[in-house]
Amino acid sequence: MNISNDWTDKDWDKFSEWLIGMLRSGPATVTFTKADGTDRVMECTLEESKLPKVELKESAKPRKESTTSMRVFDLEKNEWRSFTIKKVKQVNILIT
């Protein structure tokens, strides 16, 4: 999939769905532009077995889903991070 500045919102939605599916299958290296204009390379995942265990409190409110950013688990920092979907420049996935 070639990322393009000419994509429509529908194209970005498809890309976002595809990326979520890939990240649920295993880690990927995502390159994106941060808010300060610098590029960042992050190895991240949404693979359930690699995510930290979370204990839900009864009083906890559900987290609001963003339509413009993606929340992922950074495997190098071992913390949750997010990036703006339309700022993604490259995705590398290792298939084993």
PDB file of N, CA and C in Angstrom:
ATOM      1  N   MET A   1       0.848  -1.170   0.000  1.00  0.00           N
ATOM      2  CA  MET A   1       0.000   0.000   0.000  1.00  0.00           C
ATOM      3  C   MET A   1       0.898   1.239   0.000  1.00  0.00           C
ATOM      4  N   ASN A   2       0.706   2.104  -0.957  1.00  0.00           N
ATOM      5  CA  ASN A   2       1.490   3.325  -1.038  1.00  0.00           C
ATOM      6  C   ASN A   2       0.711   4.479  -0.421  1.00  0.00           C
ATOM      7  N   ILE A   3       1.308   5.088   0.588  1.00  0.00           N
ATOM      8  CA  ILE A   3       0.663   6.216   1.263  1.00  0.00           C
ATOM      9  C   ILE A   3       0.812   7.446   0.378  1.00  0.00           C
ATOM     10  N   SER A   4      -0.281   8.194   0.213  1.00  0.00           N
ATOM     11  CA  SER A   4      -0.280   9.342  -0.690  1.00  0.00           C
ATOM     12  C   SER A   4      -0.947  10.544  -0.056  1.00  0.00           C
ATOM     13  N   ASN A   5      -0.420  11.717  -0.346  1.00  0.00           N
ATOM     14  CA  ASN A   5      -1.042  12.969   0.111  1.00  0.00           C
ATOM     15  C   ASN A   5      -2.345  13.239  -0.628  1.00  0.00           C
ATOM     16  N   ASP A   6      -2.589  12.501  -1.713  1.00  0.00           N
ATOM     17  CA  ASP A   6      -3.800  12.693  -2.512  1.00  0.00           C
ATOM     18  C   ASP A   6      -4.969  11.846  -2.031  1.00  0.00           C
ATOM     19  N   TRP A   7      -4.770  11.085  -0.946  1.00  0.00           N
ATOM     20  CA  TRP A   7      -5.832  10.220  -0.448  1.00  0.00           C
ATOM     21  C   TRP A   7      -7.030  11.027   0.043  1.00  0.00           C
ATOM     22  N   THR A   8      -8.199  10.430  -0.134  1.00  0.00           N
ATOM     23  CA  THR A   8      -9.432  11.002   0.404  1.00  0.00           C
ATOM     24  C   THR A   8      -9.599  10.506   1.849  1.00  0.00           C
ATOM     25  N   ASP A   9     -10.567  11.058   2.556  1.00  0.00           N
ATOM     26  CA  ASP A   9     -10.848  10.586   3.910  1.00  0.00           C
ATOM     27  C   ASP A   9     -11.212   9.102   3.904  1.00  0.00           C
ATOM     28  N   LYS A  10     -11.906   8.657   2.868  1.00  0.00           N
ATOM     29  CA  LYS A  10     -12.271   7.247   2.753  1.00  0.00           C
ATOM     30  C   LYS A  10     -11.018   6.373   2.616  1.00  0.00           C
ATOM     31  N   ASP A  11     -10.046   6.849   1.843  1.00  0.00           N
ATOM     32  CA  ASP A  11      -8.779   6.119   1.698  1.00  0.00           C
ATOM     33  C   ASP A  11      -8.065   6.005   3.043  1.00  0.00           C
ATOM     34  N   TRP A  12      -8.034   7.111   3.801  1.00  0.00           N
ATOM     35  CA  TRP A  12      -7.383   7.099   5.113  1.00  0.00           C
ATOM     36  C   TRP A  12      -8.116   6.172   6.073  1.00  0.00           C
ATOM     37  N   ASP A  13      -9.443   6.111   5.984  1.00  0.00           N
ATOM     38  CA  ASP A  13     -10.218   5.191   6.826  1.00  0.00           C
ATOM     39  C   ASP A  13      -9.852   3.740   6.513  1.00  0.00           C
ATOM     40  N   LYS A  14      -9.731   3.408   5.220  1.00  0.00           N
ATOM     41  CA  LYS A  14      -9.342   2.061   4.820  1.00  0.00           C
ATOM     42  C   LYS A  14      -7.940   1.737   5.331  1.00  0.00           C
ATOM     43  N   PHE A  15      -7.031   2.697   5.187  1.00  0.00           N
ATOM     44  CA  PHE A  15      -5.662   2.505   5.667  1.00  0.00           C
ATOM     45  C   PHE A  15      -5.649   2.269   7.172  1.00  0.00           C
ATOM     46  N   SER A  16      -6.423   3.043   7.903  1.00  0.00           N
ATOM     47  CA  SER A  16      -6.487   2.911   9.357  1.00  0.00           C
ATOM     48  C   SER A  16      -6.990   1.518   9.751  1.00  0.00           C
ATOM     49  N   GLU A  17      -8.033   1.048   9.097  1.00  0.00           N
ATOM     50  CA  GLU A  17      -8.565  -0.290   9.368  1.00  0.00           C
ATOM     51  C   GLU A  17      -7.525  -1.357   9.050  1.00  0.00           C
ATOM     52  N   TRP A  18      -6.830  -1.200   7.919  1.00  0.00           N
ATOM     53  CA  TRP A  18      -5.796  -2.145   7.526  1.00  0.00           C
ATOM     54  C   TRP A  18      -4.670  -2.173   8.568  1.00  0.00           C
ATOM     55  N   LEU A  19      -4.219  -0.988   8.994  1.00  0.00           N
ATOM     56  CA  LEU A  19      -3.123  -0.903   9.952  1.00  0.00           C
ATOM     57  C   LEU A  19      -3.505  -1.512  11.299  1.00  0.00           C
ATOM     58  N   ILE A  20      -4.712  -1.270  11.756  1.00  0.00           N
ATOM     59  CA  ILE A  20      -5.183  -1.883  13.006  1.00  0.00           C
ATOM     60  C   ILE A  20      -5.127  -3.405  12.882  1.00  0.00           C
ATOM     61  N   GLY A  21      -5.581  -3.940  11.757  1.00  0.00           N
ATOM     62  CA  GLY A  21      -5.541  -5.386  11.539  1.00  0.00           C
ATOM     63  C   GLY A  21      -4.121  -5.928  11.554  1.00  0.00           C
ATOM     64  N   MET A  22      -3.203  -5.225  10.917  1.00  0.00           N
ATOM     65  CA  MET A  22      -1.806  -5.649  10.893  1.00  0.00           C
ATOM     66  C   MET A  22      -1.200  -5.608  12.293  1.00  0.00           C
ATOM     67  N   LEU A  23      -1.477  -4.534  13.034  1.00  0.00           N
ATOM     68  CA  LEU A  23      -0.915  -4.385  14.377  1.00  0.00           C
ATOM     69  C   LEU A  23      -1.495  -5.397  15.355  1.00  0.00           C
ATOM     70  N   ARG A  24      -2.705  -5.856  15.118  1.00  0.00           N
ATOM     71  CA  ARG A  24      -3.299  -6.895  15.969  1.00  0.00           C
ATOM     72  C   ARG A  24      -2.654  -8.252  15.690  1.00  0.00           C
ATOM     73  N   SER A  25      -2.075  -8.405  14.498  1.00  0.00           N
ATOM     74  CA  SER A  25      -1.413  -9.650  14.127  1.00  0.00           C
ATOM     75  C   SER A  25       0.024  -9.721  14.631  1.00  0.00           C
ATOM     76  N   GLY A  26       0.644  -8.567  14.846  1.00  0.00           N
ATOM     77  CA  GLY A  26       2.032  -8.554  15.296  1.00  0.00           C
ATOM     78  C   GLY A  26       2.613  -7.164  15.219  1.00  0.00           C
ATOM     79  N   PRO A  27       3.892  -7.031  15.562  1.00  0.00           N
ATOM     80  CA  PRO A  27       4.519  -5.718  15.583  1.00  0.00           C
ATOM     81  C   PRO A  27       4.769  -5.156  14.187  1.00  0.00           C
ATOM     82  N   ALA A  28       4.851  -3.846  14.129  1.00  0.00           N
ATOM     83  CA  ALA A  28       5.190  -3.132  12.902  1.00  0.00           C
ATOM     84  C   ALA A  28       6.029  -1.926  13.273  1.00  0.00           C
ATOM     85  N   THR A  29       6.819  -1.471  12.329  1.00  0.00           N
ATOM     86  CA  THR A  29       7.585  -0.248  12.514  1.00  0.00           C
ATOM     87  C   THR A  29       6.868   0.842  11.727  1.00  0.00           C
ATOM     88  N   VAL A  30       6.418   1.864  12.438  1.00  0.00           N
ATOM     89  CA  VAL A  30       5.650   2.951  11.830  1.00  0.00           C
ATOM     90  C   VAL A  30       6.489   4.224  11.878  1.00  0.00           C
ATOM     91  N   THR A  31       6.645   4.858  10.728  1.00  0.00           N
ATOM     92  CA  THR A  31       7.321   6.148  10.648  1.00  0.00           C
ATOM     93  C   THR A  31       6.254   7.206  10.419  1.00  0.00           C
ATOM     94  N   PHE A  32       6.284   8.245  11.252  1.00  0.00           N
ATOM     95  CA  PHE A  32       5.279   9.307  11.146  1.00  0.00           C
ATOM     96  C   PHE A  32       5.904  10.638  11.526  1.00  0.00           C
ATOM     97  N   THR A  33       5.219  11.719  11.179  1.00  0.00           N
ATOM     98  CA  THR A  33       5.663  13.059  11.523  1.00  0.00           C
ATOM     99  C   THR A  33       4.953  13.493  12.789  1.00  0.00           C
ATOM    100  N   LYS A  34       5.751  13.877  13.780  1.00  0.00           N
ATOM    101  CA  LYS A  34       5.186  14.330  15.055  1.00  0.00           C
ATOM    102  C   LYS A  34       4.636  15.749  14.916  1.00  0.00           C
ATOM    103  N   ALA A  35       3.915  16.189  15.933  1.00  0.00           N
ATOM    104  CA  ALA A  35       3.305  17.523  15.919  1.00  0.00           C
ATOM    105  C   ALA A  35       4.354  18.623  15.781  1.00  0.00           C
ATOM    106  N   ASP A  36       5.573  18.376  16.289  1.00  0.00           N
ATOM    107  CA  ASP A  36       6.625  19.394  16.200  1.00  0.00           C
ATOM    108  C   ASP A  36       7.344  19.394  14.849  1.00  0.00           C
ATOM    109  N   GLY A  37       6.913  18.515  13.933  1.00  0.00           N
ATOM    110  CA  GLY A  37       7.475  18.478  12.589  1.00  0.00           C
ATOM    111  C   GLY A  37       8.603  17.476  12.402  1.00  0.00           C
ATOM    112  N   THR A  38       9.088  16.875  13.471  1.00  0.00           N
ATOM    113  CA  THR A  38      10.152  15.884  13.350  1.00  0.00           C
ATOM    114  C   THR A  38       9.562  14.508  13.055  1.00  0.00           C
ATOM    115  N   ASP A  39      10.361  13.674  12.425  1.00  0.00           N
ATOM    116  CA  ASP A  39       9.926  12.315  12.133  1.00  0.00           C
ATOM    117  C   ASP A  39      10.262  11.411  13.306  1.00  0.00           C
ATOM    118  N   ARG A  40       9.428  10.418  13.505  1.00  0.00           N
ATOM    119  CA  ARG A  40       9.631   9.445  14.588  1.00  0.00           C
ATOM    120  C   ARG A  40       9.410   8.061  14.016  1.00  0.00           C
ATOM    121  N   VAL A  41      10.272   7.135  14.388  1.00  0.00           N
ATOM    122  CA  VAL A  41      10.143   5.739  14.001  1.00  0.00           C
ATOM    123  C   VAL A  41       9.812   4.971  15.267  1.00  0.00           C
ATOM    124  N   MET A  42       8.703   4.227  15.248  1.00  0.00           N
ATOM    125  CA  MET A  42       8.248   3.540  16.449  1.00  0.00           C
ATOM    126  C   MET A  42       7.895   2.091  16.110  1.00  0.00           C
ATOM    127  N   GLU A  43       8.461   1.175  16.891  1.00  0.00           N
ATOM    128  CA  GLU A  43       8.046  -0.217  16.788  1.00  0.00           C
ATOM    129  C   GLU A  43       6.872  -0.385  17.732  1.00  0.00           C
ATOM    130  N   CYS A  44       5.731  -0.779  17.176  1.00  0.00           N
ATOM    131  CA  CYS A  44       4.515  -0.815  17.991  1.00  0.00           C
ATOM    132  C   CYS A  44       3.652  -2.010  17.616  1.00  0.00           C
ATOM    133  N   THR A  45       2.641  -2.250  18.442  1.00  0.00           N
ATOM    134  CA  THR A  45       1.750  -3.380  18.215  1.00  0.00           C
ATOM    135  C   THR A  45       0.397  -3.153  18.880  1.00  0.00           C
ATOM    136  N   LEU A  46      -0.559  -3.950  18.471  1.00  0.00           N
ATOM    137  CA  LEU A  46      -1.844  -4.092  19.153  1.00  0.00           C
ATOM    138  C   LEU A  46      -2.109  -5.572  19.405  1.00  0.00           C
ATOM    139  N   GLU A  47      -1.049  -6.384  19.261  1.00  0.00           N
ATOM    140  CA  GLU A  47      -1.155  -7.828  19.480  1.00  0.00           C
ATOM    141  C   GLU A  47      -1.451  -8.084  20.948  1.00  0.00           C
ATOM    142  N   GLU A  48      -2.562  -8.729  21.206  1.00  0.00           N
ATOM    143  CA  GLU A  48      -3.059  -8.891  22.568  1.00  0.00           C
ATOM    144  C   GLU A  48      -2.039  -9.499  23.521  1.00  0.00           C
ATOM    145  N   SER A  49      -1.270 -10.484  23.057  1.00  0.00           N
ATOM    146  CA  SER A  49      -0.309 -11.152  23.942  1.00  0.00           C
ATOM    147  C   SER A  49       0.855 -10.251  24.344  1.00  0.00           C
ATOM    148  N   LYS A  50       1.068  -9.154  23.620  1.00  0.00           N
ATOM    149  CA  LYS A  50       2.171  -8.237  23.925  1.00  0.00           C
ATOM    150  C   LYS A  50       1.720  -7.000  24.709  1.00  0.00           C
ATOM    151  N   LEU A  51       0.419  -6.866  24.920  1.00  0.00           N
ATOM    152  CA  LEU A  51      -0.110  -5.700  25.626  1.00  0.00           C
ATOM    153  C   LEU A  51      -0.080  -5.930  27.128  1.00  0.00           C
ATOM    154  N   PRO A  52       0.120  -4.851  27.907  1.00  0.00           N
ATOM    155  CA  PRO A  52       0.106  -5.006  29.363  1.00  0.00           C
ATOM    156  C   PRO A  52      -1.302  -5.341  29.846  1.00  0.00           C
ATOM    157  N   LYS A  53      -1.352  -6.087  30.911  1.00  0.00           N
ATOM    158  CA  LYS A  53      -2.647  -6.430  31.509  1.00  0.00           C
ATOM    159  C   LYS A  53      -3.201  -5.195  32.213  1.00  0.00           C
ATOM    160  N   VAL A  54      -4.478  -4.949  32.006  1.00  0.00           N
ATOM    161  CA  VAL A  54      -5.125  -3.775  32.587  1.00  0.00           C
ATOM    162  C   VAL A  54      -6.273  -4.240  33.468  1.00  0.00           C
ATOM    163  N   GLU A  55      -6.272  -3.756  34.694  1.00  0.00           N
ATOM    164  CA  GLU A  55      -7.386  -4.049  35.587  1.00  0.00           C
ATOM    165  C   GLU A  55      -8.389  -2.916  35.493  1.00  0.00           C
ATOM    166  N   LEU A  56      -9.609  -3.256  35.134  1.00  0.00           N
ATOM    167  CA  LEU A  56     -10.645  -2.239  34.995  1.00  0.00           C
ATOM    168  C   LEU A  56     -11.300  -1.967  36.341  1.00  0.00           C
ATOM    169  N   LYS A  57     -11.468  -0.703  36.633  1.00  0.00           N
ATOM    170  CA  LYS A  57     -12.171  -0.295  37.848  1.00  0.00           C
ATOM    171  C   LYS A  57     -13.637  -0.098  37.491  1.00  0.00           C
ATOM    172  N   GLU A  58     -14.493  -0.381  38.453  1.00  0.00           N
ATOM    173  CA  GLU A  58     -15.925  -0.232  38.193  1.00  0.00           C
ATOM    174  C   GLU A  58     -16.290   1.203  37.830  1.00  0.00           C
ATOM    175  N   SER A  59     -15.579   2.166  38.397  1.00  0.00           N
ATOM    176  CA  SER A  59     -15.893   3.569  38.155  1.00  0.00           C
ATOM    177  C   SER A  59     -15.241   4.110  36.883  1.00  0.00           C
ATOM    178  N   ALA A  60     -14.439   3.283  36.201  1.00  0.00           N
ATOM    179  CA  ALA A  60     -13.737   3.744  35.006  1.00  0.00           C
ATOM    180  C   ALA A  60     -14.713   4.014  33.865  1.00  0.00           C
ATOM    181  N   LYS A  61     -14.491   5.151  33.200  1.00  0.00           N
ATOM    182  CA  LYS A  61     -15.309   5.498  32.045  1.00  0.00           C
ATOM    183  C   LYS A  61     -14.628   4.958  30.792  1.00  0.00           C
ATOM    184  N   PRO A  62     -15.400   4.511  29.806  1.00  0.00           N
ATOM    185  CA  PRO A  62     -14.789   4.022  28.566  1.00  0.00           C
ATOM    186  C   PRO A  62     -14.018   5.142  27.871  1.00  0.00           C
ATOM    187  N   ARG A  63     -12.901   4.789  27.296  1.00  0.00           N
ATOM    188  CA  ARG A  63     -12.063   5.753  26.585  1.00  0.00           C
ATOM    189  C   ARG A  63     -12.729   6.106  25.253  1.00  0.00           C
ATOM    190  N   LYS A  64     -12.772   7.383  24.919  1.00  0.00           N
ATOM    191  CA  LYS A  64     -13.371   7.829  23.671  1.00  0.00           C
ATOM    192  C   LYS A  64     -12.427   7.488  22.512  1.00  0.00           C
ATOM    193  N   GLU A  65     -12.978   6.866  21.485  1.00  0.00           N
ATOM    194  CA  GLU A  65     -12.193   6.507  20.307  1.00  0.00           C
ATOM    195  C   GLU A  65     -11.959   7.739  19.440  1.00  0.00           C
ATOM    196  N   SER A  66     -10.725   7.920  19.003  1.00  0.00           N
ATOM    197  CA  SER A  66     -10.388   9.023  18.112  1.00  0.00           C
ATOM    198  C   SER A  66     -10.528   8.564  16.667  1.00  0.00           C
ATOM    199  N   THR A  67     -10.967   9.451  15.813  1.00  0.00           N
ATOM    200  CA  THR A  67     -11.054   9.139  14.390  1.00  0.00           C
ATOM    201  C   THR A  67      -9.839   9.668  13.636  1.00  0.00           C
ATOM    202  N   THR A  68      -8.992  10.451  14.304  1.00  0.00           N
ATOM    203  CA  THR A  68      -7.843  11.052  13.633  1.00  0.00           C
ATOM    204  C   THR A  68      -6.496  10.518  14.114  1.00  0.00           C
ATOM    205  N   SER A  69      -6.475   9.837  15.258  1.00  0.00           N
ATOM    206  CA  SER A  69      -5.214   9.294  15.761  1.00  0.00           C
ATOM    207  C   SER A  69      -5.386   7.824  16.132  1.00  0.00           C
ATOM    208  N   MET A  70      -4.255   7.150  16.245  1.00  0.00           N
ATOM    209  CA  MET A  70      -4.265   5.731  16.582  1.00  0.00           C
ATOM    210  C   MET A  70      -3.433   5.516  17.838  1.00  0.00           C
ATOM    211  N   ARG A  71      -4.008   4.838  18.806  1.00  0.00           N
ATOM    212  CA  ARG A  71      -3.339   4.518  20.066  1.00  0.00           C
ATOM    213  C   ARG A  71      -2.740   3.127  19.937  1.00  0.00           C
ATOM    214  N   VAL A  72      -1.425   3.025  20.156  1.00  0.00           N
ATOM    215  CA  VAL A  72      -0.709   1.758  20.004  1.00  0.00           C
ATOM    216  C   VAL A  72       0.235   1.571  21.187  1.00  0.00           C
ATOM    217  N   PHE A  73       0.738   0.351  21.342  1.00  0.00           N
ATOM    218  CA  PHE A  73       1.688   0.076  22.407  1.00  0.00           C
ATOM    219  C   PHE A  73       3.088   0.124  21.817  1.00  0.00           C
ATOM    220  N   ASP A  74       3.909   1.063  22.315  1.00  0.00           N
ATOM    221  CA  ASP A  74       5.293   1.242  21.880  1.00  0.00           C
ATOM    222  C   ASP A  74       6.134   0.147  22.536  1.00  0.00           C
ATOM    223  N   LEU A  75       6.712  -0.738  21.731  1.00  0.00           N
ATOM    224  CA  LEU A  75       7.463  -1.875  22.253  1.00  0.00           C
ATOM    225  C   LEU A  75       8.831  -1.484  22.809  1.00  0.00           C
ATOM    226  N   GLU A  76       9.366  -0.339  22.398  1.00  0.00           N
ATOM    227  CA  GLU A  76      10.661   0.101  22.909  1.00  0.00           C
ATOM    228  C   GLU A  76      10.517   0.823  24.246  1.00  0.00           C
ATOM    229  N   LYS A  77       9.480   1.630  24.377  1.00  0.00           N
ATOM    230  CA  LYS A  77       9.261   2.382  25.620  1.00  0.00           C
ATOM    231  C   LYS A  77       8.366   1.637  26.600  1.00  0.00           C
ATOM    232  N   ASN A  78       7.732   0.553  26.130  1.00  0.00           N
ATOM    233  CA  ASN A  78       6.783  -0.213  26.947  1.00  0.00           C
ATOM    234  C   ASN A  78       5.693   0.680  27.527  1.00  0.00           C
ATOM    235  N   GLU A  79       5.179   1.556  26.691  1.00  0.00           N
ATOM    236  CA  GLU A  79       4.109   2.483  27.084  1.00  0.00           C
ATOM    237  C   GLU A  79       3.169   2.685  25.905  1.00  0.00           C
ATOM    238  N   TRP A  80       1.961   3.110  26.223  1.00  0.00           N
ATOM    239  CA  TRP A  80       0.997   3.467  25.191  1.00  0.00           C
ATOM    240  C   TRP A  80       1.393   4.808  24.580  1.00  0.00           C
ATOM    241  N   ARG A  81       1.320   4.904  23.261  1.00  0.00           N
ATOM    242  CA  ARG A  81       1.596   6.132  22.522  1.00  0.00           C
ATOM    243  C   ARG A  81       0.546   6.253  21.425  1.00  0.00           C
ATOM    244  N   SER A  82       0.483   7.426  20.817  1.00  0.00           N
ATOM    245  CA  SER A  82      -0.439   7.596  19.698  1.00  0.00           C
ATOM    246  C   SER A  82       0.210   8.460  18.629  1.00  0.00           C
ATOM    247  N   PHE A  83      -0.335   8.353  17.433  1.00  0.00           N
ATOM    248  CA  PHE A  83       0.122   9.177  16.319  1.00  0.00           C
ATOM    249  C   PHE A  83      -1.082   9.538  15.466  1.00  0.00           C
ATOM    250  N   THR A  84      -0.959  10.640  14.747  1.00  0.00           N
ATOM    251  CA  THR A  84      -2.006  11.072  13.830  1.00  0.00           C
ATOM    252  C   THR A  84      -1.939  10.206  12.581  1.00  0.00           C
ATOM    253  N   ILE A  85      -3.037   9.600  12.228  1.00  0.00           N
ATOM    254  CA  ILE A  85      -3.067   8.643  11.120  1.00  0.00           C
ATOM    255  C   ILE A  85      -2.603   9.292   9.814  1.00  0.00           C
ATOM    256  N   LYS A  86      -3.035  10.509   9.551  1.00  0.00           N
ATOM    257  CA  LYS A  86      -2.676  11.170   8.294  1.00  0.00           C
ATOM    258  C   LYS A  86      -1.221  11.648   8.266  1.00  0.00           C
ATOM    259  N   LYS A  87      -0.490  11.474   9.359  1.00  0.00           N
ATOM    260  CA  LYS A  87       0.928  11.852   9.409  1.00  0.00           C
ATOM    261  C   LYS A  87       1.844  10.656   9.215  1.00  0.00           C
ATOM    262  N   VAL A  88       1.266   9.461   8.997  1.00  0.00           N
ATOM    263  CA  VAL A  88       2.073   8.261   8.776  1.00  0.00           C
ATOM    264  C   VAL A  88       2.742   8.361   7.403  1.00  0.00           C
ATOM    265  N   LYS A  89       4.047   8.073   7.371  1.00  0.00           N
ATOM    266  CA  LYS A  89       4.807   8.130   6.139  1.00  0.00           C
ATOM    267  C   LYS A  89       5.145   6.743   5.610  1.00  0.00           C
ATOM    268  N   GLN A  90       5.347   5.781   6.556  1.00  0.00           N
ATOM    269  CA  GLN A  90       5.771   4.453   6.153  1.00  0.00           C
ATOM    270  C   GLN A  90       5.402   3.443   7.221  1.00  0.00           C
ATOM    271  N   VAL A  91       5.084   2.227   6.782  1.00  0.00           N
ATOM    272  CA  VAL A  91       4.815   1.114   7.689  1.00  0.00           C
ATOM    273  C   VAL A  91       5.616  -0.074   7.201  1.00  0.00           C
ATOM    274  N   ASN A  92       6.416  -0.666   8.103  1.00  0.00           N
ATOM    275  CA  ASN A  92       7.180  -1.872   7.784  1.00  0.00           C
ATOM    276  C   ASN A  92       6.691  -2.990   8.694  1.00  0.00           C
ATOM    277  N   ILE A  93       6.353  -4.111   8.066  1.00  0.00           N
ATOM    278  CA  ILE A  93       5.854  -5.260   8.803  1.00  0.00           C
ATOM    279  C   ILE A  93       6.739  -6.452   8.473  1.00  0.00           C
ATOM    280  N   LEU A  94       7.250  -7.114   9.517  1.00  0.00           N
ATOM    281  CA  LEU A  94       8.055  -8.308   9.337  1.00  0.00           C
ATOM    282  C   LEU A  94       7.143  -9.523   9.386  1.00  0.00           C
ATOM    283  N   ILE A  95       7.105 -10.270   8.321  1.00  0.00           N
ATOM    284  CA  ILE A  95       6.268 -11.471   8.273  1.00  0.00           C
ATOM    285  C   ILE A  95       7.183 -12.668   8.483  1.00  0.00           C
ATOM    286  N   THR A  96       6.857 -13.439   9.527  1.00  0.00           N
ATOM    287  CA  THR A  96       7.701 -14.600   9.817  1.00  0.00           C
ATOM    288  C   THR A  96       6.947 -15.882   9.614  1.00  0.00           C
TER     289      THR A  96
END
